[in-house]
Amino acid sequence: MGVSEKSRKILWVQAGGLCAICKEQVITPGTASDDPSVFGEEAHIVARSGGGPRAGGTAEDLINHHANLILLCSKDHKRVDDQPNHFNVDRLRQIKADHELWVRSLLDADKEPFPT
C-alpha cells in the first residue's frame, strides 16, 4: 500500500508547502494557459524498499505514515538519496522536526491572541 491521501495532506500542511531543507516553495505559479508546476516530493526518511538508502528499522505499516515522510524539492530529494551517510535517519528526523516547528511559528505569528 502506498502513501494515503490523509498522510500526504498532513505532510504538505505541516511542511507549509516548503522544502524542509532549502525552504523554497515546491510549486510554481500557474500561467494564464497552464496549471502550476508541482516539484515537491514526498521522501521517505526510512526507505520504503529494503535496498533503498536508510533502509530498515521501521515497521512495515509505518513506512508510508506521514511521520516517516519529509517534504523536499526534487533537488534536495536527490541529494538526500545520494548522500545517505550525511542525511541519515536521525538527521532527517531533526530537519523535519525543526522545519515543522519553524512553519508553525510563522503561522502563529500572524494570529491574533485570544481575548482574555
Protein backbone atom coordinates (compact mmCIF):
# COMPACT_ATOMS: atom_id res chain seq x y z
CA MET A 1 0.00 0.00 0.00
CA GLY A 2 1.28 3.47 -0.89
CA VAL A 3 1.08 6.76 0.94
CA SER A 4 -2.55 7.53 1.87
CA GLU A 5 -4.20 10.79 0.87
CA LYS A 6 -4.54 11.64 4.55
CA SER A 7 -0.80 11.17 5.22
CA ARG A 8 0.01 13.15 2.09
CA LYS A 9 -2.21 16.06 3.14
CA ILE A 10 -0.84 16.08 6.69
CA LEU A 11 2.73 16.13 5.36
CA TRP A 12 2.13 19.02 2.95
CA VAL A 13 0.25 21.12 5.52
CA GLN A 14 2.79 20.56 8.30
CA ALA A 15 5.61 21.47 5.89
CA GLY A 16 3.79 24.60 4.74
CA GLY A 17 4.29 23.59 1.11
CA LEU A 18 8.02 24.27 1.52
CA CYS A 19 11.08 22.08 1.13
CA ALA A 20 12.28 21.11 4.61
CA ILE A 21 15.92 21.74 3.62
CA CYS A 22 16.06 24.81 1.37
CA LYS A 23 12.71 26.30 2.48
CA GLU A 24 11.70 27.02 -1.13
CA GLN A 25 8.07 26.73 -2.14
CA VAL A 26 7.62 23.44 -4.02
CA ILE A 27 5.06 24.69 -6.51
CA THR A 28 5.43 27.31 -9.22
CA PRO A 29 2.70 29.79 -10.06
CA GLY A 30 0.39 28.90 -12.90
CA THR A 31 0.12 30.97 -16.04
CA ALA A 32 -2.86 32.21 -17.98
CA SER A 33 -2.81 28.99 -20.01
CA ASP A 34 -1.08 26.42 -17.77
CA ASP A 35 -1.56 24.97 -14.31
CA PRO A 36 1.11 25.42 -11.62
CA SER A 37 4.03 23.01 -11.68
CA VAL A 38 4.49 20.89 -8.55
CA PHE A 39 8.05 19.76 -7.87
CA GLY A 40 7.66 18.84 -4.22
CA GLU A 41 8.42 15.23 -3.43
CA GLU A 42 7.35 13.09 -0.51
CA ALA A 43 10.60 11.43 0.56
CA HIS A 44 10.80 8.50 2.94
CA ILE A 45 13.03 9.03 5.97
CA VAL A 46 13.40 5.28 6.48
CA ALA A 47 13.43 3.80 2.98
CA ARG A 48 10.37 2.08 1.56
CA SER A 49 12.41 -0.66 -0.10
CA GLY A 50 14.92 -2.93 1.60
CA GLY A 51 17.69 -1.83 -0.78
CA GLY A 52 16.99 1.89 -0.53
CA PRO A 53 19.04 4.48 1.31
CA ARG A 54 18.38 4.40 5.07
CA ALA A 55 16.55 1.05 4.83
CA GLY A 56 15.34 -0.90 7.84
CA GLY A 57 14.32 -0.20 11.39
CA THR A 58 10.68 0.76 10.85
CA ALA A 59 7.61 -1.47 10.94
CA GLU A 60 6.08 -2.10 7.52
CA ASP A 61 2.77 -0.45 8.50
CA LEU A 62 4.60 2.79 9.41
CA ILE A 63 6.75 3.14 6.28
CA ASN A 64 4.15 5.26 4.45
CA HIS A 65 2.93 7.12 7.55
CA HIS A 66 3.35 10.92 7.48
CA ALA A 67 5.78 10.68 10.41
CA ASN A 68 8.20 8.80 8.13
CA LEU A 69 7.89 11.28 5.25
CA ILE A 70 9.62 14.60 4.66
CA LEU A 71 8.63 17.14 2.00
CA LEU A 72 11.56 18.07 -0.23
CA CYS A 73 12.15 19.80 -3.54
CA SER A 74 13.37 17.49 -6.29
CA LYS A 75 16.97 18.76 -5.96
CA ASP A 76 17.15 18.14 -2.22
CA HIS A 77 15.42 14.76 -2.54
CA LYS A 78 18.17 13.70 -4.94
CA ARG A 79 20.85 14.96 -2.52
CA VAL A 80 19.26 13.12 0.40
CA ASP A 81 19.14 9.83 -1.51
CA ASP A 82 22.65 10.24 -2.94
CA GLN A 83 24.19 11.14 0.45
CA PRO A 84 22.65 8.67 2.95
CA ASN A 85 25.61 8.86 5.32
CA HIS A 86 25.21 12.62 5.71
CA PHE A 87 21.40 12.58 5.56
CA ASN A 88 20.88 9.67 7.93
CA VAL A 89 17.58 8.86 9.67
CA ASP A 90 18.34 10.89 12.79
CA ARG A 91 19.40 13.95 10.80
CA LEU A 92 16.32 13.81 8.55
CA ARG A 93 14.01 13.46 11.55
CA GLN A 94 15.66 16.51 13.12
CA ILE A 95 15.43 18.51 9.87
CA LYS A 96 11.74 17.63 9.61
CA ALA A 97 11.01 18.49 13.26
CA ASP A 98 12.89 21.81 13.05
CA HIS A 99 11.17 22.70 9.77
CA GLU A 100 7.67 21.94 11.07
CA LEU A 101 8.35 23.96 14.24
CA TRP A 102 9.52 26.88 12.07
CA VAL A 103 6.37 26.66 9.89
CA ARG A 104 4.14 26.63 12.97
CA SER A 105 5.96 29.66 14.37
CA LEU A 106 5.33 31.58 11.13
CA LEU A 107 1.65 30.71 11.20
CA ASP A 108 1.27 31.54 14.89
CA ALA A 109 2.93 34.94 14.39
CA ASP A 110 0.02 36.03 12.18
CA LYS A 111 -2.69 35.02 14.66
CA GLU A 112 -4.40 37.45 16.95
CA PRO A 113 -4.15 36.45 20.59
CA PHE A 114 -7.36 35.10 22.10
CA PRO A 115 -9.26 37.68 24.15
CA THR A 116 -8.93 37.20 27.89
